[in-house]
Amino acid sequence: MELKNCINDVFKDYCKDYKCLLHDFRPWAEEHSIHETNQVSNFISTYRKKRKKSIACLEFSIPYNNAEGVKKRDSVDGLIVDADTIIFIEAKRFSRGKKN
């Protein structure tokens, strides 16, 4: 399966799962949100069901030197390596409820 089509299918399946989850179950409390780690973890899980030879991790650390040569470290929420493709995942919190 072509990677573009795979990611399309993964999003469709991933959204179906969340639609079912959010219909009857509320995993949040006062803040009315689903933490991005859950989103990334569920997306990676759905992806790996379709592409079993891929590897993935959460909170992938990326070391680098800044312009002054100081060692720094950033991270991405998730990373998938699939054949000759690397997918970086950065997620934002999904919030529900009224905004003040």
PDB file of N, CA and C in Angstrom:
ATOM      1  N   MET A   1       0.842  -1.186   0.000  1.00  0.00           N
ATOM      2  CA  MET A   1       0.000   0.000   0.000  1.00  0.00           C
ATOM      3  C   MET A   1       0.882   1.243   0.000  1.00  0.00           C
ATOM      4  N   GLU A   2       0.575   2.175  -0.881  1.00  0.00           N
ATOM      5  CA  GLU A   2       1.317   3.434  -0.958  1.00  0.00           C
ATOM      6  C   GLU A   2       1.171   4.187   0.363  1.00  0.00           C
ATOM      7  N   LEU A   3       2.260   4.792   0.828  1.00  0.00           N
ATOM      8  CA  LEU A   3       2.277   5.460   2.124  1.00  0.00           C
ATOM      9  C   LEU A   3       1.187   6.521   2.254  1.00  0.00           C
ATOM     10  N   LYS A   4       0.984   7.326   1.209  1.00  0.00           N
ATOM     11  CA  LYS A   4      -0.049   8.378   1.237  1.00  0.00           C
ATOM     12  C   LYS A   4      -1.423   7.763   1.507  1.00  0.00           C
ATOM     13  N   ASN A   5      -1.745   6.677   0.816  1.00  0.00           N
ATOM     14  CA  ASN A   5      -3.032   6.004   1.023  1.00  0.00           C
ATOM     15  C   ASN A   5      -3.107   5.389   2.410  1.00  0.00           C
ATOM     16  N   CYS A   6      -1.988   4.857   2.879  1.00  0.00           N
ATOM     17  CA  CYS A   6      -1.957   4.250   4.209  1.00  0.00           C
ATOM     18  C   CYS A   6      -2.287   5.284   5.280  1.00  0.00           C
ATOM     19  N   ILE A   7      -1.644   6.433   5.216  1.00  0.00           N
ATOM     20  CA  ILE A   7      -1.890   7.478   6.217  1.00  0.00           C
ATOM     21  C   ILE A   7      -3.336   7.947   6.144  1.00  0.00           C
ATOM     22  N   ASN A   8      -3.884   8.045   4.955  1.00  0.00           N
ATOM     23  CA  ASN A   8      -5.290   8.396   4.787  1.00  0.00           C
ATOM     24  C   ASN A   8      -6.182   7.375   5.501  1.00  0.00           C
ATOM     25  N   ASP A   9      -5.924   6.100   5.266  1.00  0.00           N
ATOM     26  CA  ASP A   9      -6.695   5.027   5.913  1.00  0.00           C
ATOM     27  C   ASP A   9      -6.515   5.044   7.429  1.00  0.00           C
ATOM     28  N   VAL A  10      -5.290   5.291   7.871  1.00  0.00           N
ATOM     29  CA  VAL A  10      -5.029   5.341   9.318  1.00  0.00           C
ATOM     30  C   VAL A  10      -5.853   6.453   9.950  1.00  0.00           C
ATOM     31  N   PHE A  11      -5.881   7.641   9.340  1.00  0.00           N
ATOM     32  CA  PHE A  11      -6.669   8.741   9.892  1.00  0.00           C
ATOM     33  C   PHE A  11      -8.152   8.383   9.936  1.00  0.00           C
ATOM     34  N   LYS A  12      -8.659   7.756   8.910  1.00  0.00           N
ATOM     35  CA  LYS A  12     -10.071   7.369   8.898  1.00  0.00           C
ATOM     36  C   LYS A  12     -10.372   6.405  10.046  1.00  0.00           C
ATOM     37  N   ASP A  13      -9.538   5.374  10.201  1.00  0.00           N
ATOM     38  CA  ASP A  13      -9.752   4.402  11.278  1.00  0.00           C
ATOM     39  C   ASP A  13      -9.575   5.042  12.650  1.00  0.00           C
ATOM     40  N   TYR A  14      -8.562   5.870  12.772  1.00  0.00           N
ATOM     41  CA  TYR A  14      -8.265   6.573  14.015  1.00  0.00           C
ATOM     42  C   TYR A  14      -9.450   7.458  14.425  1.00  0.00           C
ATOM     43  N   CYS A  15     -10.007   8.193  13.472  1.00  0.00           N
ATOM     44  CA  CYS A  15     -11.155   9.058  13.762  1.00  0.00           C
ATOM     45  C   CYS A  15     -12.397   8.246  14.126  1.00  0.00           C
ATOM     46  N   LYS A  16     -12.602   7.108  13.468  1.00  0.00           N
ATOM     47  CA  LYS A  16     -13.730   6.234  13.833  1.00  0.00           C
ATOM     48  C   LYS A  16     -13.603   5.779  15.281  1.00  0.00           C
ATOM     49  N   ASP A  17     -12.390   5.390  15.682  1.00  0.00           N
ATOM     50  CA  ASP A  17     -12.165   4.956  17.062  1.00  0.00           C
ATOM     51  C   ASP A  17     -12.479   6.079  18.041  1.00  0.00           C
ATOM     52  N   TYR A  18     -12.009   7.289  17.743  1.00  0.00           N
ATOM     53  CA  TYR A  18     -12.271   8.415  18.636  1.00  0.00           C
ATOM     54  C   TYR A  18     -13.747   8.793  18.644  1.00  0.00           C
ATOM     55  N   LYS A  19     -14.404   8.682  17.512  1.00  0.00           N
ATOM     56  CA  LYS A  19     -15.827   9.000  17.468  1.00  0.00           C
ATOM     57  C   LYS A  19     -16.598   8.068  18.411  1.00  0.00           C
ATOM     58  N   CYS A  20     -16.259   6.801  18.386  1.00  0.00           N
ATOM     59  CA  CYS A  20     -16.902   5.842  19.296  1.00  0.00           C
ATOM     60  C   CYS A  20     -16.553   6.158  20.745  1.00  0.00           C
ATOM     61  N   LEU A  21     -15.296   6.426  20.997  1.00  0.00           N
ATOM     62  CA  LEU A  21     -14.834   6.715  22.350  1.00  0.00           C
ATOM     63  C   LEU A  21     -15.516   7.956  22.908  1.00  0.00           C
ATOM     64  N   LEU A  22     -15.578   9.004  22.119  1.00  0.00           N
ATOM     65  CA  LEU A  22     -16.104  10.274  22.606  1.00  0.00           C
ATOM     66  C   LEU A  22     -17.620  10.301  22.692  1.00  0.00           C
ATOM     67  N   HIS A  23     -18.279   9.355  22.028  1.00  0.00           N
ATOM     68  CA  HIS A  23     -19.740   9.320  22.063  1.00  0.00           C
ATOM     69  C   HIS A  23     -20.253   8.910  23.444  1.00  0.00           C
ATOM     70  N   ASP A  24     -19.660   7.883  24.024  1.00  0.00           N
ATOM     71  CA  ASP A  24     -20.175   7.338  25.283  1.00  0.00           C
ATOM     72  C   ASP A  24     -19.250   7.493  26.477  1.00  0.00           C
ATOM     73  N   PHE A  25     -18.011   7.901  26.271  1.00  0.00           N
ATOM     74  CA  PHE A  25     -17.029   7.906  27.343  1.00  0.00           C
ATOM     75  C   PHE A  25     -16.332   9.250  27.394  1.00  0.00           C
ATOM     76  N   ARG A  26     -16.209   9.794  28.574  1.00  0.00           N
ATOM     77  CA  ARG A  26     -15.556  11.098  28.736  1.00  0.00           C
ATOM     78  C   ARG A  26     -14.283  10.910  29.572  1.00  0.00           C
ATOM     79  N   PRO A  27     -13.111  10.794  28.923  1.00  0.00           N
ATOM     80  CA  PRO A  27     -11.879  10.525  29.664  1.00  0.00           C
ATOM     81  C   PRO A  27     -11.257  11.755  30.308  1.00  0.00           C
ATOM     82  N   TRP A  28     -11.917  12.886  30.253  1.00  0.00           N
ATOM     83  CA  TRP A  28     -11.368  14.100  30.829  1.00  0.00           C
ATOM     84  C   TRP A  28     -12.178  14.523  32.042  1.00  0.00           C
ATOM     85  N   ALA A  29     -11.621  15.389  32.821  1.00  0.00           N
ATOM     86  CA  ALA A  29     -12.313  15.909  33.997  1.00  0.00           C
ATOM     87  C   ALA A  29     -12.604  17.390  33.760  1.00  0.00           C
ATOM     88  N   GLU A  30     -12.162  18.230  34.642  1.00  0.00           N
ATOM     89  CA  GLU A  30     -12.459  19.652  34.555  1.00  0.00           C
ATOM     90  C   GLU A  30     -11.845  20.334  33.336  1.00  0.00           C
ATOM     91  N   GLU A  31     -10.702  19.877  32.886  1.00  0.00           N
ATOM     92  CA  GLU A  31     -10.040  20.586  31.791  1.00  0.00           C
ATOM     93  C   GLU A  31     -10.629  20.263  30.419  1.00  0.00           C
ATOM     94  N   HIS A  32     -11.480  19.266  30.322  1.00  0.00           N
ATOM     95  CA  HIS A  32     -12.163  18.925  29.071  1.00  0.00           C
ATOM     96  C   HIS A  32     -11.205  18.714  27.907  1.00  0.00           C
ATOM     97  N   SER A  33     -10.210  17.866  28.090  1.00  0.00           N
ATOM     98  CA  SER A  33      -9.280  17.629  26.994  1.00  0.00           C
ATOM     99  C   SER A  33      -8.761  16.196  26.990  1.00  0.00           C
ATOM    100  N   ILE A  34      -8.268  15.789  25.850  1.00  0.00           N
ATOM    101  CA  ILE A  34      -7.597  14.499  25.706  1.00  0.00           C
ATOM    102  C   ILE A  34      -6.139  14.834  25.440  1.00  0.00           C
ATOM    103  N   HIS A  35      -5.277  14.414  26.313  1.00  0.00           N
ATOM    104  CA  HIS A  35      -3.862  14.769  26.211  1.00  0.00           C
ATOM    105  C   HIS A  35      -3.277  14.271  24.895  1.00  0.00           C
ATOM    106  N   GLU A  36      -2.363  15.057  24.340  1.00  0.00           N
ATOM    107  CA  GLU A  36      -1.791  14.712  23.038  1.00  0.00           C
ATOM    108  C   GLU A  36      -1.036  13.383  23.038  1.00  0.00           C
ATOM    109  N   THR A  37      -0.508  12.971  24.184  1.00  0.00           N
ATOM    110  CA  THR A  37       0.179  11.672  24.232  1.00  0.00           C
ATOM    111  C   THR A  37      -0.785  10.543  23.883  1.00  0.00           C
ATOM    112  N   ASN A  38      -2.034  10.651  24.320  1.00  0.00           N
ATOM    113  CA  ASN A  38      -3.037   9.642  23.971  1.00  0.00           C
ATOM    114  C   ASN A  38      -3.329   9.663  22.476  1.00  0.00           C
ATOM    115  N   GLN A  39      -3.413  10.856  21.906  1.00  0.00           N
ATOM    116  CA  GLN A  39      -3.667  10.968  20.474  1.00  0.00           C
ATOM    117  C   GLN A  39      -2.544  10.314  19.669  1.00  0.00           C
ATOM    118  N   VAL A  40      -1.303  10.634  20.026  1.00  0.00           N
ATOM    119  CA  VAL A  40      -0.148  10.097  19.296  1.00  0.00           C
ATOM    120  C   VAL A  40      -0.056   8.589  19.469  1.00  0.00           C
ATOM    121  N   SER A  41      -0.239   8.124  20.690  1.00  0.00           N
ATOM    122  CA  SER A  41      -0.167   6.689  20.963  1.00  0.00           C
ATOM    123  C   SER A  41      -1.219   5.924  20.159  1.00  0.00           C
ATOM    124  N   ASN A  42      -2.435   6.429  20.133  1.00  0.00           N
ATOM    125  CA  ASN A  42      -3.500   5.766  19.384  1.00  0.00           C
ATOM    126  C   ASN A  42      -3.265   5.833  17.876  1.00  0.00           C
ATOM    127  N   PHE A  43      -2.738   6.948  17.385  1.00  0.00           N
ATOM    128  CA  PHE A  43      -2.430   7.051  15.960  1.00  0.00           C
ATOM    129  C   PHE A  43      -1.347   6.042  15.579  1.00  0.00           C
ATOM    130  N   ILE A  44      -0.285   5.977  16.378  1.00  0.00           N
ATOM    131  CA  ILE A  44       0.803   5.031  16.097  1.00  0.00           C
ATOM    132  C   ILE A  44       0.287   3.596  16.134  1.00  0.00           C
ATOM    133  N   SER A  45      -0.538   3.288  17.103  1.00  0.00           N
ATOM    134  CA  SER A  45      -1.104   1.936  17.205  1.00  0.00           C
ATOM    135  C   SER A  45      -1.913   1.588  15.962  1.00  0.00           C
ATOM    136  N   THR A  46      -2.745   2.517  15.506  1.00  0.00           N
ATOM    137  CA  THR A  46      -3.545   2.298  14.299  1.00  0.00           C
ATOM    138  C   THR A  46      -2.644   2.140  13.081  1.00  0.00           C
ATOM    139  N   TYR A  47      -1.618   2.959  12.984  1.00  0.00           N
ATOM    140  CA  TYR A  47      -0.678   2.901  11.856  1.00  0.00           C
ATOM    141  C   TYR A  47       0.026   1.541  11.816  1.00  0.00           C
ATOM    142  N   ARG A  48       0.491   1.086  12.963  1.00  0.00           N
ATOM    143  CA  ARG A  48       1.266  -0.158  13.009  1.00  0.00           C
ATOM    144  C   ARG A  48       0.408  -1.378  12.719  1.00  0.00           C
ATOM    145  N   LYS A  49      -0.892  -1.291  12.895  1.00  0.00           N
ATOM    146  CA  LYS A  49      -1.779  -2.397  12.504  1.00  0.00           C
ATOM    147  C   LYS A  49      -1.769  -2.576  10.990  1.00  0.00           C
ATOM    148  N   LYS A  50      -1.620  -1.467  10.272  1.00  0.00           N
ATOM    149  CA  LYS A  50      -1.614  -1.520   8.807  1.00  0.00           C
ATOM    150  C   LYS A  50      -0.213  -1.756   8.243  1.00  0.00           C
ATOM    151  N   ARG A  51       0.812  -1.279   8.943  1.00  0.00           N
ATOM    152  CA  ARG A  51       2.192  -1.379   8.475  1.00  0.00           C
ATOM    153  C   ARG A  51       3.026  -2.043   9.573  1.00  0.00           C
ATOM    154  N   LYS A  52       2.901  -3.348   9.675  1.00  0.00           N
ATOM    155  CA  LYS A  52       3.483  -4.112  10.777  1.00  0.00           C
ATOM    156  C   LYS A  52       5.010  -4.052  10.849  1.00  0.00           C
ATOM    157  N   LYS A  53       5.679  -3.786   9.741  1.00  0.00           N
ATOM    158  CA  LYS A  53       7.140  -3.733   9.750  1.00  0.00           C
ATOM    159  C   LYS A  53       7.678  -2.362  10.160  1.00  0.00           C
ATOM    160  N   SER A  54       6.794  -1.406  10.381  1.00  0.00           N
ATOM    161  CA  SER A  54       7.242  -0.082  10.814  1.00  0.00           C
ATOM    162  C   SER A  54       7.644  -0.141  12.288  1.00  0.00           C
ATOM    163  N   ILE A  55       8.458   0.819  12.695  1.00  0.00           N
ATOM    164  CA  ILE A  55       8.793   0.959  14.104  1.00  0.00           C
ATOM    165  C   ILE A  55       8.396   2.362  14.534  1.00  0.00           C
ATOM    166  N   ALA A  56       8.142   2.539  15.815  1.00  0.00           N
ATOM    167  CA  ALA A  56       7.657   3.836  16.278  1.00  0.00           C
ATOM    168  C   ALA A  56       8.044   4.054  17.732  1.00  0.00           C
ATOM    169  N   CYS A  57       8.042   5.320  18.117  1.00  0.00           N
ATOM    170  CA  CYS A  57       8.267   5.645  19.522  1.00  0.00           C
ATOM    171  C   CYS A  57       7.564   6.958  19.854  1.00  0.00           C
ATOM    172  N   LEU A  58       7.353   7.162  21.135  1.00  0.00           N
ATOM    173  CA  LEU A  58       6.759   8.388  21.654  1.00  0.00           C
ATOM    174  C   LEU A  58       7.861   9.274  22.213  1.00  0.00           C
ATOM    175  N   GLU A  59       7.640  10.577  22.192  1.00  0.00           N
ATOM    176  CA  GLU A  59       8.587  11.548  22.755  1.00  0.00           C
ATOM    177  C   GLU A  59      10.012  11.277  22.282  1.00  0.00           C
ATOM    178  N   PHE A  60      10.198  11.336  20.972  1.00  0.00           N
ATOM    179  CA  PHE A  60      11.500  11.074  20.374  1.00  0.00           C
ATOM    180  C   PHE A  60      12.405  12.297  20.555  1.00  0.00           C
ATOM    181  N   SER A  61      13.529  12.107  21.211  1.00  0.00           N
ATOM    182  CA  SER A  61      14.452  13.180  21.527  1.00  0.00           C
ATOM    183  C   SER A  61      15.388  13.468  20.354  1.00  0.00           C
ATOM    184  N   ILE A  62      15.615  14.766  20.089  1.00  0.00           N
ATOM    185  CA  ILE A  62      16.482  15.187  18.994  1.00  0.00           C
ATOM    186  C   ILE A  62      17.544  16.139  19.554  1.00  0.00           C
ATOM    187  N   PRO A  63      18.777  15.644  19.713  1.00  0.00           N
ATOM    188  CA  PRO A  63      19.841  16.530  20.195  1.00  0.00           C
ATOM    189  C   PRO A  63      20.402  17.379  19.047  1.00  0.00           C
ATOM    190  N   TYR A  64      20.857  18.593  19.373  1.00  0.00           N
ATOM    191  CA  TYR A  64      21.451  19.466  18.364  1.00  0.00           C
ATOM    192  C   TYR A  64      22.299  20.528  19.049  1.00  0.00           C
ATOM    193  N   ASN A  65      23.107  21.214  18.298  1.00  0.00           N
ATOM    194  CA  ASN A  65      23.863  22.361  18.792  1.00  0.00           C
ATOM    195  C   ASN A  65      23.219  23.618  18.234  1.00  0.00           C
ATOM    196  N   ASN A  66      22.987  24.600  19.111  1.00  0.00           N
ATOM    197  CA  ASN A  66      22.393  25.848  18.616  1.00  0.00           C
ATOM    198  C   ASN A  66      23.468  26.698  17.911  1.00  0.00           C
ATOM    199  N   ALA A  67      23.096  27.902  17.483  1.00  0.00           N
ATOM    200  CA  ALA A  67      24.001  28.755  16.716  1.00  0.00           C
ATOM    201  C   ALA A  67      25.276  29.108  17.492  1.00  0.00           C
ATOM    202  N   GLU A  68      25.173  29.132  18.815  1.00  0.00           N
ATOM    203  CA  GLU A  68      26.345  29.434  19.650  1.00  0.00           C
ATOM    204  C   GLU A  68      27.152  28.180  19.993  1.00  0.00           C
ATOM    205  N   GLY A  69      26.730  27.029  19.470  1.00  0.00           N
ATOM    206  CA  GLY A  69      27.443  25.781  19.743  1.00  0.00           C
ATOM    207  C   GLY A  69      27.044  25.097  21.045  1.00  0.00           C
ATOM    208  N   VAL A  70      26.008  25.598  21.698  1.00  0.00           N
ATOM    209  CA  VAL A  70      25.536  25.010  22.954  1.00  0.00           C
ATOM    210  C   VAL A  70      24.670  23.791  22.642  1.00  0.00           C
ATOM    211  N   LYS A  71      24.944  22.696  23.350  1.00  0.00           N
ATOM    212  CA  LYS A  71      24.151  21.477  23.133  1.00  0.00           C
ATOM    213  C   LYS A  71      22.741  21.684  23.665  1.00  0.00           C
ATOM    214  N   LYS A  72      21.768  21.356  22.843  1.00  0.00           N
ATOM    215  CA  LYS A  72      20.343  21.480  23.183  1.00  0.00           C
ATOM    216  C   LYS A  72      19.651  20.167  22.864  1.00  0.00           C
ATOM    217  N   ARG A  73      18.415  20.068  23.300  1.00  0.00           N
ATOM    218  CA  ARG A  73      17.624  18.874  23.029  1.00  0.00           C
ATOM    219  C   ARG A  73      16.163  19.281  22.881  1.00  0.00           C
ATOM    220  N   ASP A  74      15.547  18.852  21.794  1.00  0.00           N
ATOM    221  CA  ASP A  74      14.120  19.025  21.576  1.00  0.00           C
ATOM    222  C   ASP A  74      13.525  17.633  21.404  1.00  0.00           C
ATOM    223  N   SER A  75      12.234  17.571  21.313  1.00  0.00           N
ATOM    224  CA  SER A  75      11.609  16.275  21.055  1.00  0.00           C
ATOM    225  C   SER A  75      10.373  16.468  20.196  1.00  0.00           C
ATOM    226  N   VAL A  76       9.997  15.410  19.504  1.00  0.00           N
ATOM    227  CA  VAL A  76       8.722  15.372  18.790  1.00  0.00           C
ATOM    228  C   VAL A  76       7.843  14.393  19.543  1.00  0.00           C
ATOM    229  N   ASP A  77       6.536  14.590  19.443  1.00  0.00           N
ATOM    230  CA  ASP A  77       5.605  13.750  20.191  1.00  0.00           C
ATOM    231  C   ASP A  77       5.676  12.291  19.772  1.00  0.00           C
ATOM    232  N   GLY A  78       5.925  12.046  18.507  1.00  0.00           N
ATOM    233  CA  GLY A  78       6.017  10.671  18.027  1.00  0.00           C
ATOM    234  C   GLY A  78       6.859  10.587  16.776  1.00  0.00           C
ATOM    235  N   LEU A  79       7.331   9.396  16.497  1.00  0.00           N
ATOM    236  CA  LEU A  79       8.153   9.160  15.320  1.00  0.00           C
ATOM    237  C   LEU A  79       7.827   7.771  14.792  1.00  0.00           C
ATOM    238  N   ILE A  80       7.641   7.677  13.484  1.00  0.00           N
ATOM    239  CA  ILE A  80       7.424   6.387  12.826  1.00  0.00           C
ATOM    240  C   ILE A  80       8.491   6.248  11.748  1.00  0.00           C
ATOM    241  N   VAL A  81       9.158   5.104  11.718  1.00  0.00           N
ATOM    242  CA  VAL A  81      10.091   4.781  10.645  1.00  0.00           C
ATOM    243  C   VAL A  81       9.464   3.640   9.868  1.00  0.00           C
ATOM    244  N   ASP A  82       9.227   3.880   8.582  1.00  0.00           N
ATOM    245  CA  ASP A  82       8.551   2.902   7.740  1.00  0.00           C
ATOM    246  C   ASP A  82       9.317   2.803   6.425  1.00  0.00           C
ATOM    247  N   ALA A  83      10.055   1.717   6.276  1.00  0.00           N
ATOM    248  CA  ALA A  83      10.904   1.508   5.098  1.00  0.00           C
ATOM    249  C   ALA A  83      11.868   2.684   4.985  1.00  0.00           C
ATOM    250  N   ASP A  84      11.800   3.457   3.911  1.00  0.00           N
ATOM    251  CA  ASP A  84      12.719   4.582   3.729  1.00  0.00           C
ATOM    252  C   ASP A  84      12.066   5.919   4.085  1.00  0.00           C
ATOM    253  N   THR A  85      11.020   5.888   4.898  1.00  0.00           N
ATOM    254  CA  THR A  85      10.280   7.094   5.265  1.00  0.00           C
ATOM    255  C   THR A  85      10.299   7.295   6.772  1.00  0.00           C
ATOM    256  N   ILE A  86      10.507   8.534   7.187  1.00  0.00           N
ATOM    257  CA  ILE A  86      10.423   8.896   8.602  1.00  0.00           C
ATOM    258  C   ILE A  86       9.280   9.887   8.743  1.00  0.00           C
ATOM    259  N   ILE A  87       8.379   9.604   9.668  1.00  0.00           N
ATOM    260  CA  ILE A  87       7.230  10.468   9.924  1.00  0.00           C
ATOM    261  C   ILE A  87       7.381  11.061  11.316  1.00  0.00           C
ATOM    262  N   PHE A  88       7.464  12.386  11.393  1.00  0.00           N
ATOM    263  CA  PHE A  88       7.515  13.084  12.665  1.00  0.00           C
ATOM    264  C   PHE A  88       6.086  13.486  13.021  1.00  0.00           C
ATOM    265  N   ILE A  89       5.706  13.256  14.271  1.00  0.00           N
ATOM    266  CA  ILE A  89       4.342  13.568  14.706  1.00  0.00           C
ATOM    267  C   ILE A  89       4.397  14.607  15.821  1.00  0.00           C
ATOM    268  N   GLU A  90       3.686  15.693  15.628  1.00  0.00           N
ATOM    269  CA  GLU A  90       3.541  16.714  16.654  1.00  0.00           C
ATOM    270  C   GLU A  90       2.043  16.936  16.828  1.00  0.00           C
ATOM    271  N   ALA A  91       1.553  16.721  18.023  1.00  0.00           N
ATOM    272  CA  ALA A  91       0.111  16.801  18.267  1.00  0.00           C
ATOM    273  C   ALA A  91      -0.208  17.946  19.225  1.00  0.00           C
ATOM    274  N   LYS A  92      -1.414  18.412  19.128  1.00  0.00           N
ATOM    275  CA  LYS A  92      -1.915  19.419  20.053  1.00  0.00           C
ATOM    276  C   LYS A  92      -3.149  18.861  20.741  1.00  0.00           C
ATOM    277  N   ARG A  93      -3.352  19.330  21.936  1.00  0.00           N
ATOM    278  CA  ARG A  93      -4.449  18.843  22.768  1.00  0.00           C
ATOM    279  C   ARG A  93      -5.794  19.127  22.123  1.00  0.00           C
ATOM    280  N   PHE A  94      -6.680  18.123  22.158  1.00  0.00           N
ATOM    281  CA  PHE A  94      -8.038  18.256  21.648  1.00  0.00           C
ATOM    282  C   PHE A  94      -8.908  18.667  22.843  1.00  0.00           C
ATOM    283  N   SER A  95      -9.511  19.824  22.778  1.00  0.00           N
ATOM    284  CA  SER A  95     -10.316  20.317  23.905  1.00  0.00           C
ATOM    285  C   SER A  95     -11.770  20.435  23.511  1.00  0.00           C
ATOM    286  N   ARG A  96     -12.599  20.212  24.487  1.00  0.00           N
ATOM    287  CA  ARG A  96     -14.042  20.354  24.302  1.00  0.00           C
ATOM    288  C   ARG A  96     -14.563  21.333  25.348  1.00  0.00           C
ATOM    289  N   GLY A  97     -15.729  21.816  25.103  1.00  0.00           N
ATOM    290  CA  GLY A  97     -16.351  22.678  26.089  1.00  0.00           C
ATOM    291  C   GLY A  97     -16.345  24.121  25.671  1.00  0.00           C
ATOM    292  N   LYS A  98     -16.918  24.950  26.524  1.00  0.00           N
ATOM    293  CA  LYS A  98     -17.031  26.372  26.222  1.00  0.00           C
ATOM    294  C   LYS A  98     -15.722  27.076  26.522  1.00  0.00           C
ATOM    295  N   LYS A  99     -15.383  28.012  25.667  1.00  0.00           N
ATOM    296  CA  LYS A  99     -14.210  28.853  25.892  1.00  0.00           C
ATOM    297  C   LYS A  99     -14.680  30.138  26.537  1.00  0.00           C
ATOM    298  N   ASN A 100     -13.957  30.582  27.546  1.00  0.00           N
ATOM    299  CA  ASN A 100     -14.317  31.854  28.229  1.00  0.00           C
ATOM    300  C   ASN A 100     -13.662  33.025  27.544  1.00  0.00           C
TER     301      ASN A 100
END
